[in-house]
Amino acid sequence: MTMFSTIRLRAAALLAGFALALSGCFMAPGKFTSELALTGPDSFTFRYDGEIFFLGLSKLAQMGAAADTESFSATCFNDETFEERACTPEEEADQRAEWDAGAARRAEEKEKEAKQMAAMMGGIDPADPKAAEELVRLLERQKGWNRVVHKGDGLFEVSYAVSGTLGHDFLFPMIEGFPATNPFVQMILREGGQVRINAPAFAAQSGDNPMAAMMGGVAPLANIAAMEAAAENGVKEDEEQIPGMPVLEGTFSIRTAPGMRILANNTDEGPEGAIGAGEVLRWAVSPRSAQAPTALIATGG
């Protein structure tokens, strides 16, 4: 099997494993800096500067689709060794008949999937060559998205900043027409003036949070698949990577106002004092990050 075929098939397997990817709405952070500041008992500011990867607009998604739509090719295996062997004319004929019989079903599934993908992306058809431009326009008309640039292959450079009150929960990113299933950062209000902050996408893997592993870990997993394929084919791991997948790398900070208490957090160093202010929690995020940042803070509100 060629290097390209191996990677393409692994990409298809990854896509099949992620329901959100198949719906075209899967997002993942790349390189970034982000901060959530609790500026008062009832107010906050949030910013995210860096990369966001939309899997449905990438070459990886196209590779997965190509693996599902290839022309017919008979495949047979030895019953004892399970090694691939040449098919007999009868076996090839049987497989071709089965392939032809499923043509209408495959076409119907593709049409249904295309409609679902467009619906999950606010009406944007990922197959449209101008899909990235439409997404830029969609984001720019929403409050907070101050800069949105498509760098190519589903990767966007964004600058997002917003201020609000602590009268409601907060979620980023929140995109018009997209399901709220893929959070980078969550802020959940509790009774008694407490705030739980989670950043499930800012971790490459997490045994405690399978969803975080799925959301934040697709890039490392995909590149691991590429490296495994490279090893199988005698290619150095740095010579071939699945195209478009960003490196998960950045910093996430939570800043509190004076008088607030940090009740729990999973940073390595704990809170840092800030002159004339409250405290700061910092996380360095990388492909080796095993735990998603989390903190519980008493705001006094």
C-alpha atoms as a PDB file:
ATOM      1  CA  MET A   1       0.000   0.000   0.000  1.00  0.00           C
ATOM      2  CA  THR A   2       1.340   3.453  -0.882  1.00  0.00           C
ATOM      3  CA  MET A   3       2.066   6.123   1.721  1.00  0.00           C
ATOM      4  CA  PHE A   4      -0.751   8.323   0.382  1.00  0.00           C
ATOM      5  CA  SER A   5      -3.240   5.445   0.413  1.00  0.00           C
ATOM      6  CA  THR A   6      -2.350   4.513   3.978  1.00  0.00           C
ATOM      7  CA  ILE A   7      -2.753   8.062   5.242  1.00  0.00           C
ATOM      8  CA  ARG A   8      -5.963   8.533   3.282  1.00  0.00           C
ATOM      9  CA  LEU A   9      -7.479   5.378   4.735  1.00  0.00           C
ATOM     10  CA  ARG A  10      -6.393   6.349   8.245  1.00  0.00           C
ATOM     11  CA  ALA A  11      -7.903   9.779   7.697  1.00  0.00           C
ATOM     12  CA  ALA A  12     -11.150   8.140   6.641  1.00  0.00           C
ATOM     13  CA  ALA A  13     -11.089   6.003   9.771  1.00  0.00           C
ATOM     14  CA  LEU A  14     -10.567   9.076  11.947  1.00  0.00           C
ATOM     15  CA  LEU A  15     -13.456  10.844  10.268  1.00  0.00           C
ATOM     16  CA  ALA A  16     -15.681   7.833  10.714  1.00  0.00           C
ATOM     17  CA  GLY A  17     -14.824   7.835  14.408  1.00  0.00           C
ATOM     18  CA  PHE A  18     -15.909  11.420  14.997  1.00  0.00           C
ATOM     19  CA  ALA A  19     -19.621  12.077  14.492  1.00  0.00           C
ATOM     20  CA  LEU A  20     -19.012  15.818  14.638  1.00  0.00           C
ATOM     21  CA  ALA A  21     -16.444  15.564  11.892  1.00  0.00           C
ATOM     22  CA  LEU A  22     -18.917  13.798   9.656  1.00  0.00           C
ATOM     23  CA  SER A  23     -21.419  16.579  10.299  1.00  0.00           C
ATOM     24  CA  GLY A  24     -18.832  19.102   9.115  1.00  0.00           C
ATOM     25  CA  CYS A  25     -18.782  21.167  12.321  1.00  0.00           C
ATOM     26  CA  PHE A  26     -15.713  19.847  14.102  1.00  0.00           C
ATOM     27  CA  MET A  27     -13.391  22.605  15.329  1.00  0.00           C
ATOM     28  CA  ALA A  28     -10.027  22.440  17.079  1.00  0.00           C
ATOM     29  CA  PRO A  29      -7.564  25.041  18.403  1.00  0.00           C
ATOM     30  CA  GLY A  30      -4.082  25.364  16.935  1.00  0.00           C
ATOM     31  CA  LYS A  31      -1.547  27.897  18.209  1.00  0.00           C
ATOM     32  CA  PHE A  32      -3.210  30.435  20.497  1.00  0.00           C
ATOM     33  CA  THR A  33      -3.240  32.649  23.568  1.00  0.00           C
ATOM     34  CA  SER A  34      -6.432  32.995  25.572  1.00  0.00           C
ATOM     35  CA  GLU A  35      -7.503  34.655  28.813  1.00  0.00           C
ATOM     36  CA  LEU A  36     -10.677  34.736  30.866  1.00  0.00           C
ATOM     37  CA  ALA A  37     -10.698  37.594  33.367  1.00  0.00           C
ATOM     38  CA  LEU A  38     -13.282  37.815  36.141  1.00  0.00           C
ATOM     39  CA  THR A  39     -13.265  41.599  36.446  1.00  0.00           C
ATOM     40  CA  GLY A  40     -15.884  41.830  39.183  1.00  0.00           C
ATOM     41  CA  PRO A  41     -18.525  39.836  41.064  1.00  0.00           C
ATOM     42  CA  ASP A  42     -20.833  40.099  38.082  1.00  0.00           C
ATOM     43  CA  SER A  43     -18.593  40.812  35.082  1.00  0.00           C
ATOM     44  CA  PHE A  44     -15.947  39.178  32.900  1.00  0.00           C
ATOM     45  CA  THR A  45     -13.870  39.635  29.759  1.00  0.00           C
ATOM     46  CA  PHE A  46     -12.648  36.881  27.451  1.00  0.00           C
ATOM     47  CA  ARG A  47     -10.229  36.845  24.552  1.00  0.00           C
ATOM     48  CA  TYR A  48      -8.846  34.262  22.146  1.00  0.00           C
ATOM     49  CA  ASP A  49      -6.092  35.097  19.667  1.00  0.00           C
ATOM     50  CA  GLY A  50      -4.805  32.385  17.383  1.00  0.00           C
ATOM     51  CA  GLU A  51      -5.796  29.524  15.152  1.00  0.00           C
ATOM     52  CA  ILE A  52      -9.058  27.617  14.792  1.00  0.00           C
ATOM     53  CA  PHE A  53      -9.189  24.570  12.532  1.00  0.00           C
ATOM     54  CA  PHE A  54     -12.464  23.574  10.844  1.00  0.00           C
ATOM     55  CA  LEU A  55     -12.118  19.926   9.871  1.00  0.00           C
ATOM     56  CA  GLY A  56     -15.027  20.024   7.427  1.00  0.00           C
ATOM     57  CA  LEU A  57     -13.193  22.594   5.267  1.00  0.00           C
ATOM     58  CA  SER A  58      -9.855  20.780   5.200  1.00  0.00           C
ATOM     59  CA  LYS A  59      -8.018  18.437   2.876  1.00  0.00           C
ATOM     60  CA  LEU A  60      -8.289  15.802   5.593  1.00  0.00           C
ATOM     61  CA  ALA A  61     -12.075  15.769   5.151  1.00  0.00           C
ATOM     62  CA  GLN A  62     -11.617  15.591   1.381  1.00  0.00           C
ATOM     63  CA  MET A  63      -9.243  12.652   1.804  1.00  0.00           C
ATOM     64  CA  GLY A  64     -11.813  10.838   3.930  1.00  0.00           C
ATOM     65  CA  ALA A  65     -14.519  11.506   1.360  1.00  0.00           C
ATOM     66  CA  ALA A  66     -12.252  10.291  -1.440  1.00  0.00           C
ATOM     67  CA  ALA A  67     -11.654   7.034   0.397  1.00  0.00           C
ATOM     68  CA  ASP A  68     -15.425   6.500   0.490  1.00  0.00           C
ATOM     69  CA  THR A  69     -15.974   7.251  -3.201  1.00  0.00           C
ATOM     70  CA  GLU A  70     -13.144   5.403  -4.913  1.00  0.00           C
ATOM     71  CA  SER A  71     -13.940   3.278  -7.971  1.00  0.00           C
ATOM     72  CA  PHE A  72     -14.485  -0.435  -7.576  1.00  0.00           C
ATOM     73  CA  SER A  73     -11.495  -2.627  -6.766  1.00  0.00           C
ATOM     74  CA  ALA A  74     -11.825  -6.272  -5.759  1.00  0.00           C
ATOM     75  CA  THR A  75      -9.949  -7.373  -2.642  1.00  0.00           C
ATOM     76  CA  CYS A  76      -9.374 -10.971  -1.512  1.00  0.00           C
ATOM     77  CA  PHE A  77      -7.407 -12.557   1.331  1.00  0.00           C
ATOM     78  CA  ASN A  78      -5.879 -15.920   2.120  1.00  0.00           C
ATOM     79  CA  ASP A  79      -8.138 -17.729   4.607  1.00  0.00           C
ATOM     80  CA  GLU A  80      -5.181 -19.061   6.599  1.00  0.00           C
ATOM     81  CA  THR A  81      -2.609 -16.262   6.537  1.00  0.00           C
ATOM     82  CA  PHE A  82      -5.066 -13.370   6.015  1.00  0.00           C
ATOM     83  CA  GLU A  83      -2.599 -11.887   3.522  1.00  0.00           C
ATOM     84  CA  GLU A  84      -3.973 -10.148   0.462  1.00  0.00           C
ATOM     85  CA  ARG A  85      -4.057 -12.295  -2.684  1.00  0.00           C
ATOM     86  CA  ALA A  86      -5.269 -12.036  -6.265  1.00  0.00           C
ATOM     87  CA  CYS A  87      -9.011 -12.566  -6.700  1.00  0.00           C
ATOM     88  CA  THR A  88     -10.409 -15.230  -8.973  1.00  0.00           C
ATOM     89  CA  PRO A  89     -12.640 -14.039 -11.856  1.00  0.00           C
ATOM     90  CA  GLU A  90     -15.675 -15.401  -9.994  1.00  0.00           C
ATOM     91  CA  GLU A  91     -14.774 -13.547  -6.774  1.00  0.00           C
ATOM     92  CA  GLU A  92     -14.191 -10.307  -8.660  1.00  0.00           C
ATOM     93  CA  ALA A  93     -17.510 -10.686 -10.473  1.00  0.00           C
ATOM     94  CA  ASP A  94     -19.364 -11.271  -7.182  1.00  0.00           C
ATOM     95  CA  GLN A  95     -17.770  -8.256  -5.538  1.00  0.00           C
ATOM     96  CA  ARG A  96     -18.477  -6.048  -8.560  1.00  0.00           C
ATOM     97  CA  ALA A  97     -22.138  -7.118  -8.542  1.00  0.00           C
ATOM     98  CA  GLU A  98     -22.392  -6.229  -4.865  1.00  0.00           C
ATOM     99  CA  TRP A  99     -20.675  -2.866  -5.507  1.00  0.00           C
ATOM    100  CA  ASP A 100     -23.010  -2.029  -8.388  1.00  0.00           C
ATOM    101  CA  ALA A 101     -26.064  -3.025  -6.351  1.00  0.00           C
ATOM    102  CA  GLY A 102     -25.114  -0.499  -3.667  1.00  0.00           C
ATOM    103  CA  ALA A 103     -24.539   2.424  -6.042  1.00  0.00           C
ATOM    104  CA  ALA A 104     -27.967   3.999  -5.510  1.00  0.00           C
ATOM    105  CA  ARG A 105     -27.708   3.634  -1.734  1.00  0.00           C
ATOM    106  CA  ARG A 106     -24.245   5.241  -1.673  1.00  0.00           C
ATOM    107  CA  ALA A 107     -25.430   8.157  -3.785  1.00  0.00           C
ATOM    108  CA  GLU A 108     -28.429   8.684  -1.502  1.00  0.00           C
ATOM    109  CA  GLU A 109     -26.234   8.591   1.599  1.00  0.00           C
ATOM    110  CA  LYS A 110     -23.815  11.098   0.067  1.00  0.00           C
ATOM    111  CA  GLU A 111     -26.637  13.507  -0.757  1.00  0.00           C
ATOM    112  CA  LYS A 112     -28.098  13.165   2.740  1.00  0.00           C
ATOM    113  CA  GLU A 113     -24.684  13.676   4.333  1.00  0.00           C
ATOM    114  CA  ALA A 114     -24.018  16.790   2.230  1.00  0.00           C
ATOM    115  CA  LYS A 115     -27.321  18.326   3.384  1.00  0.00           C
ATOM    116  CA  GLN A 116     -26.553  17.495   7.012  1.00  0.00           C
ATOM    117  CA  MET A 117     -23.094  19.040   6.766  1.00  0.00           C
ATOM    118  CA  ALA A 118     -24.492  22.262   5.325  1.00  0.00           C
ATOM    119  CA  ALA A 119     -27.195  22.408   8.009  1.00  0.00           C
ATOM    120  CA  MET A 120     -24.628  21.932  10.775  1.00  0.00           C
ATOM    121  CA  MET A 121     -22.488  24.768   9.390  1.00  0.00           C
ATOM    122  CA  GLY A 122     -25.123  27.464   9.378  1.00  0.00           C
ATOM    123  CA  GLY A 123     -26.154  26.699   5.803  1.00  0.00           C
ATOM    124  CA  ILE A 124     -22.593  26.761   4.443  1.00  0.00           C
ATOM    125  CA  ASP A 125     -21.852  23.907   2.048  1.00  0.00           C
ATOM    126  CA  PRO A 126     -18.306  22.638   2.826  1.00  0.00           C
ATOM    127  CA  ALA A 127     -18.018  21.385  -0.757  1.00  0.00           C
ATOM    128  CA  ASP A 128     -18.473  24.921  -2.127  1.00  0.00           C
ATOM    129  CA  PRO A 129     -15.112  26.463  -3.164  1.00  0.00           C
ATOM    130  CA  LYS A 130     -16.252  29.696  -1.496  1.00  0.00           C
ATOM    131  CA  ALA A 131     -17.224  28.015   1.794  1.00  0.00           C
ATOM    132  CA  ALA A 132     -14.262  29.515   3.670  1.00  0.00           C
ATOM    133  CA  GLU A 133     -15.175  33.020   2.479  1.00  0.00           C
ATOM    134  CA  GLU A 134     -18.766  32.478   3.645  1.00  0.00           C
ATOM    135  CA  LEU A 135     -17.558  31.363   7.053  1.00  0.00           C
ATOM    136  CA  VAL A 136     -15.374  34.471   7.360  1.00  0.00           C
ATOM    137  CA  ARG A 137     -18.391  36.670   6.628  1.00  0.00           C
ATOM    138  CA  LEU A 138     -20.540  34.711   9.095  1.00  0.00           C
ATOM    139  CA  LEU A 139     -18.025  35.174  11.901  1.00  0.00           C
ATOM    140  CA  GLU A 140     -17.274  38.825  11.165  1.00  0.00           C
ATOM    141  CA  ARG A 141     -20.915  39.811  11.542  1.00  0.00           C
ATOM    142  CA  GLN A 142     -21.024  38.335  15.052  1.00  0.00           C
ATOM    143  CA  LYS A 143     -19.978  40.443  18.023  1.00  0.00           C
ATOM    144  CA  GLY A 144     -16.496  39.721  19.317  1.00  0.00           C
ATOM    145  CA  TRP A 145     -14.926  38.321  16.144  1.00  0.00           C
ATOM    146  CA  ASN A 146     -12.671  41.300  15.469  1.00  0.00           C
ATOM    147  CA  ARG A 147     -10.406  39.564  12.958  1.00  0.00           C
ATOM    148  CA  VAL A 148     -10.943  36.415  10.873  1.00  0.00           C
ATOM    149  CA  VAL A 149      -8.455  35.344   8.184  1.00  0.00           C
ATOM    150  CA  HIS A 150      -8.521  32.062   6.297  1.00  0.00           C
ATOM    151  CA  LYS A 151      -4.950  30.768   6.059  1.00  0.00           C
ATOM    152  CA  GLY A 152      -5.972  27.849   3.826  1.00  0.00           C
ATOM    153  CA  ASP A 153      -6.998  24.218   4.250  1.00  0.00           C
ATOM    154  CA  GLY A 154      -9.619  24.914   6.921  1.00  0.00           C
ATOM    155  CA  LEU A 155      -7.241  26.854   9.184  1.00  0.00           C
ATOM    156  CA  PHE A 156      -8.338  30.329  10.331  1.00  0.00           C
ATOM    157  CA  GLU A 157      -6.442  33.026  12.229  1.00  0.00           C
ATOM    158  CA  VAL A 158      -8.838  34.855  14.554  1.00  0.00           C
ATOM    159  CA  SER A 159      -8.885  37.575  17.175  1.00  0.00           C
ATOM    160  CA  TYR A 160     -11.907  37.354  19.453  1.00  0.00           C
ATOM    161  CA  ALA A 161     -12.716  39.515  22.477  1.00  0.00           C
ATOM    162  CA  VAL A 162     -15.914  40.042  24.416  1.00  0.00           C
ATOM    163  CA  SER A 163     -17.084  41.423  27.750  1.00  0.00           C
ATOM    164  CA  GLY A 164     -20.211  40.406  29.598  1.00  0.00           C
ATOM    165  CA  THR A 165     -22.007  39.889  32.880  1.00  0.00           C
ATOM    166  CA  LEU A 166     -22.056  36.854  35.117  1.00  0.00           C
ATOM    167  CA  GLY A 167     -25.812  36.559  34.811  1.00  0.00           C
ATOM    168  CA  HIS A 168     -25.509  33.618  32.426  1.00  0.00           C
ATOM    169  CA  ASP A 169     -23.209  30.789  31.391  1.00  0.00           C
ATOM    170  CA  PHE A 170     -20.587  31.456  28.696  1.00  0.00           C
ATOM    171  CA  LEU A 171     -19.296  29.290  25.876  1.00  0.00           C
ATOM    172  CA  PHE A 172     -16.591  29.806  23.256  1.00  0.00           C
ATOM    173  CA  PRO A 173     -16.774  29.432  20.322  1.00  0.00           C
ATOM    174  CA  MET A 174     -20.452  30.087  19.736  1.00  0.00           C
ATOM    175  CA  ILE A 175     -21.223  30.394  16.029  1.00  0.00           C
ATOM    176  CA  GLU A 176     -24.604  31.209  14.524  1.00  0.00           C
ATOM    177  CA  GLY A 177     -26.199  28.081  13.065  1.00  0.00           C
ATOM    178  CA  PHE A 178     -23.564  25.741  14.526  1.00  0.00           C
ATOM    179  CA  PRO A 179     -24.418  23.275  17.304  1.00  0.00           C
ATOM    180  CA  ALA A 180     -22.876  24.085  20.695  1.00  0.00           C
ATOM    181  CA  THR A 181     -21.127  20.720  20.899  1.00  0.00           C
ATOM    182  CA  ASN A 182     -17.479  21.665  20.517  1.00  0.00           C
ATOM    183  CA  PRO A 183     -16.497  24.092  23.322  1.00  0.00           C
ATOM    184  CA  PHE A 184     -12.974  25.406  23.744  1.00  0.00           C
ATOM    185  CA  VAL A 185     -13.862  27.240  26.984  1.00  0.00           C
ATOM    186  CA  GLN A 186     -16.931  26.955  29.227  1.00  0.00           C
ATOM    187  CA  MET A 187     -17.931  29.142  32.167  1.00  0.00           C
ATOM    188  CA  ILE A 188     -20.756  27.663  34.229  1.00  0.00           C
ATOM    189  CA  LEU A 189     -22.399  29.636  37.044  1.00  0.00           C
ATOM    190  CA  ARG A 190     -23.232  27.927  40.322  1.00  0.00           C
ATOM    191  CA  GLU A 191     -25.410  28.970  43.220  1.00  0.00           C
ATOM    192  CA  GLY A 192     -23.645  30.838  45.998  1.00  0.00           C
ATOM    193  CA  GLY A 193     -21.511  33.065  43.775  1.00  0.00           C
ATOM    194  CA  GLN A 194     -19.286  30.320  42.364  1.00  0.00           C
ATOM    195  CA  VAL A 195     -18.038  29.872  38.796  1.00  0.00           C
ATOM    196  CA  ARG A 196     -16.752  26.629  37.261  1.00  0.00           C
ATOM    197  CA  ILE A 197     -14.418  27.196  34.300  1.00  0.00           C
ATOM    198  CA  ASN A 198     -13.453  24.337  31.978  1.00  0.00           C
ATOM    199  CA  ALA A 199     -11.389  24.356  28.771  1.00  0.00           C
ATOM    200  CA  PRO A 200     -12.001  20.878  27.288  1.00  0.00           C
ATOM    201  CA  ALA A 201     -10.362  21.622  23.934  1.00  0.00           C
ATOM    202  CA  PHE A 202      -7.086  22.718  25.545  1.00  0.00           C
ATOM    203  CA  ALA A 203      -5.872  19.164  26.133  1.00  0.00           C
ATOM    204  CA  ALA A 204      -4.548  16.600  23.685  1.00  0.00           C
ATOM    205  CA  GLN A 205      -5.706  13.635  25.725  1.00  0.00           C
ATOM    206  CA  SER A 206      -7.591  13.038  28.926  1.00  0.00           C
ATOM    207  CA  GLY A 207      -8.468   9.779  30.631  1.00  0.00           C
ATOM    208  CA  ASP A 208     -10.886  11.610  32.914  1.00  0.00           C
ATOM    209  CA  ASN A 209     -12.710  13.390  30.105  1.00  0.00           C
ATOM    210  CA  PRO A 210     -13.250  11.351  26.919  1.00  0.00           C
ATOM    211  CA  MET A 211     -14.928  14.322  25.253  1.00  0.00           C
ATOM    212  CA  ALA A 212     -11.821  16.451  25.828  1.00  0.00           C
ATOM    213  CA  ALA A 213      -9.724  13.731  24.236  1.00  0.00           C
ATOM    214  CA  MET A 214     -11.995  13.767  21.212  1.00  0.00           C
ATOM    215  CA  MET A 215     -12.226  17.520  20.885  1.00  0.00           C
ATOM    216  CA  GLY A 216      -8.709  18.585  21.704  1.00  0.00           C
ATOM    217  CA  GLY A 217      -6.874  15.503  20.550  1.00  0.00           C
ATOM    218  CA  VAL A 218      -7.810  14.997  16.927  1.00  0.00           C
ATOM    219  CA  ALA A 219      -4.690  16.742  15.628  1.00  0.00           C
ATOM    220  CA  PRO A 220      -2.227  14.689  17.687  1.00  0.00           C
ATOM    221  CA  LEU A 221      -4.166  11.499  16.936  1.00  0.00           C
ATOM    222  CA  ALA A 222      -4.219  12.214  13.247  1.00  0.00           C
ATOM    223  CA  ASN A 223      -0.531  12.986  13.146  1.00  0.00           C
ATOM    224  CA  ILE A 224       0.195   9.850  15.170  1.00  0.00           C
ATOM    225  CA  ALA A 225      -1.666   7.943  12.484  1.00  0.00           C
ATOM    226  CA  ALA A 226       0.478   9.606   9.857  1.00  0.00           C
ATOM    227  CA  MET A 227       3.673   8.767  11.721  1.00  0.00           C
ATOM    228  CA  GLU A 228       2.577   5.141  12.116  1.00  0.00           C
ATOM    229  CA  ALA A 229       1.873   4.974   8.419  1.00  0.00           C
ATOM    230  CA  ALA A 230       5.265   6.530   7.729  1.00  0.00           C
ATOM    231  CA  ALA A 231       6.988   3.937   9.895  1.00  0.00           C
ATOM    232  CA  GLU A 232       5.203   1.127   8.095  1.00  0.00           C
ATOM    233  CA  ASN A 233       6.398   2.479   4.761  1.00  0.00           C
ATOM    234  CA  GLY A 234       9.956   3.390   5.757  1.00  0.00           C
ATOM    235  CA  VAL A 235       9.375   7.130   5.738  1.00  0.00           C
ATOM    236  CA  LYS A 236      10.780   9.387   8.448  1.00  0.00           C
ATOM    237  CA  GLU A 237       8.067  10.835  10.661  1.00  0.00           C
ATOM    238  CA  ASP A 238       8.965  14.422   9.774  1.00  0.00           C
ATOM    239  CA  GLU A 239       8.714  13.782   6.029  1.00  0.00           C
ATOM    240  CA  GLU A 240       4.944  13.320   5.948  1.00  0.00           C
ATOM    241  CA  GLN A 241       2.111  14.604   8.103  1.00  0.00           C
ATOM    242  CA  ILE A 242      -1.616  14.536   7.480  1.00  0.00           C
ATOM    243  CA  PRO A 243      -2.158  17.893   5.754  1.00  0.00           C
ATOM    244  CA  GLY A 244      -3.811  20.806   7.492  1.00  0.00           C
ATOM    245  CA  MET A 245      -3.832  19.523  11.064  1.00  0.00           C
ATOM    246  CA  PRO A 246      -2.607  22.290  13.387  1.00  0.00           C
ATOM    247  CA  VAL A 247      -0.257  21.828  16.324  1.00  0.00           C
ATOM    248  CA  LEU A 248      -2.021  22.299  19.655  1.00  0.00           C
ATOM    249  CA  GLU A 249       0.145  24.902  21.376  1.00  0.00           C
ATOM    250  CA  GLY A 250      -0.720  27.892  23.515  1.00  0.00           C
ATOM    251  CA  THR A 251      -1.410  29.437  26.895  1.00  0.00           C
ATOM    252  CA  PHE A 252      -4.687  29.793  28.764  1.00  0.00           C
ATOM    253  CA  SER A 253      -5.038  32.104  31.763  1.00  0.00           C
ATOM    254  CA  ILE A 254      -7.746  32.872  34.282  1.00  0.00           C
ATOM    255  CA  ARG A 255      -7.466  36.201  36.090  1.00  0.00           C
ATOM    256  CA  THR A 256      -9.488  37.000  39.187  1.00  0.00           C
ATOM    257  CA  ALA A 257     -10.428  40.335  40.740  1.00  0.00           C
ATOM    258  CA  PRO A 258      -9.365  41.266  44.301  1.00  0.00           C
ATOM    259  CA  GLY A 259     -11.405  39.501  46.959  1.00  0.00           C
ATOM    260  CA  MET A 260     -12.223  36.439  44.863  1.00  0.00           C
ATOM    261  CA  ARG A 261     -11.123  32.995  46.091  1.00  0.00           C
ATOM    262  CA  ILE A 262      -9.763  30.194  43.925  1.00  0.00           C
ATOM    263  CA  LEU A 263     -11.382  27.102  45.443  1.00  0.00           C
ATOM    264  CA  ALA A 264      -9.871  24.506  43.085  1.00  0.00           C
ATOM    265  CA  ASN A 265      -7.663  24.322  40.005  1.00  0.00           C
ATOM    266  CA  ASN A 266      -5.365  21.884  38.197  1.00  0.00           C
ATOM    267  CA  THR A 267      -2.429  24.124  37.273  1.00  0.00           C
ATOM    268  CA  ASP A 268       1.115  22.888  37.908  1.00  0.00           C
ATOM    269  CA  GLU A 269       2.219  25.935  39.906  1.00  0.00           C
ATOM    270  CA  GLY A 270      -1.012  27.148  41.493  1.00  0.00           C
ATOM    271  CA  PRO A 271      -2.235  30.753  41.540  1.00  0.00           C
ATOM    272  CA  GLU A 272       0.149  33.666  41.092  1.00  0.00           C
ATOM    273  CA  GLY A 273      -0.322  36.978  42.837  1.00  0.00           C
ATOM    274  CA  ALA A 274      -0.900  40.027  40.661  1.00  0.00           C
ATOM    275  CA  ILE A 275       0.144  43.488  41.842  1.00  0.00           C
ATOM    276  CA  GLY A 276      -2.911  45.614  42.577  1.00  0.00           C
ATOM    277  CA  ALA A 277      -5.221  42.830  41.463  1.00  0.00           C
ATOM    278  CA  GLY A 278      -6.328  39.357  42.383  1.00  0.00           C
ATOM    279  CA  GLU A 279      -4.647  36.126  41.268  1.00  0.00           C
ATOM    280  CA  VAL A 280      -3.764  34.472  37.971  1.00  0.00           C
ATOM    281  CA  LEU A 281      -3.921  30.830  36.940  1.00  0.00           C
ATOM    282  CA  ARG A 282      -1.851  29.822  33.896  1.00  0.00           C
ATOM    283  CA  TRP A 283      -1.748  26.669  31.793  1.00  0.00           C
ATOM    284  CA  ALA A 284       0.819  25.869  29.099  1.00  0.00           C
ATOM    285  CA  VAL A 285      -1.015  23.802  26.480  1.00  0.00           C
ATOM    286  CA  SER A 286       0.781  21.406  24.142  1.00  0.00           C
ATOM    287  CA  PRO A 287       0.294  18.009  22.446  1.00  0.00           C
ATOM    288  CA  ARG A 288       1.535  16.512  25.734  1.00  0.00           C
ATOM    289  CA  SER A 289      -1.202  18.135  27.834  1.00  0.00           C
ATOM    290  CA  ALA A 290      -3.160  15.304  29.429  1.00  0.00           C
ATOM    291  CA  GLN A 291      -5.629  17.328  31.505  1.00  0.00           C
ATOM    292  CA  ALA A 292      -8.016  20.030  30.346  1.00  0.00           C
ATOM    293  CA  PRO A 293      -7.683  23.264  32.365  1.00  0.00           C
ATOM    294  CA  THR A 294     -10.328  23.612  35.061  1.00  0.00           C
ATOM    295  CA  ALA A 295     -10.948  25.875  38.045  1.00  0.00           C
ATOM    296  CA  LEU A 296     -13.642  26.661  40.587  1.00  0.00           C
ATOM    297  CA  ILE A 297     -13.768  30.263  41.798  1.00  0.00           C
ATOM    298  CA  ALA A 298     -15.837  32.051  44.410  1.00  0.00           C
ATOM    299  CA  THR A 299     -16.566  35.486  42.931  1.00  0.00           C
ATOM    300  CA  GLY A 300     -18.329  36.960  45.956  1.00  0.00           C
ATOM    301  CA  GLY A 301     -21.318  37.820  43.810  1.00  0.00           C
END
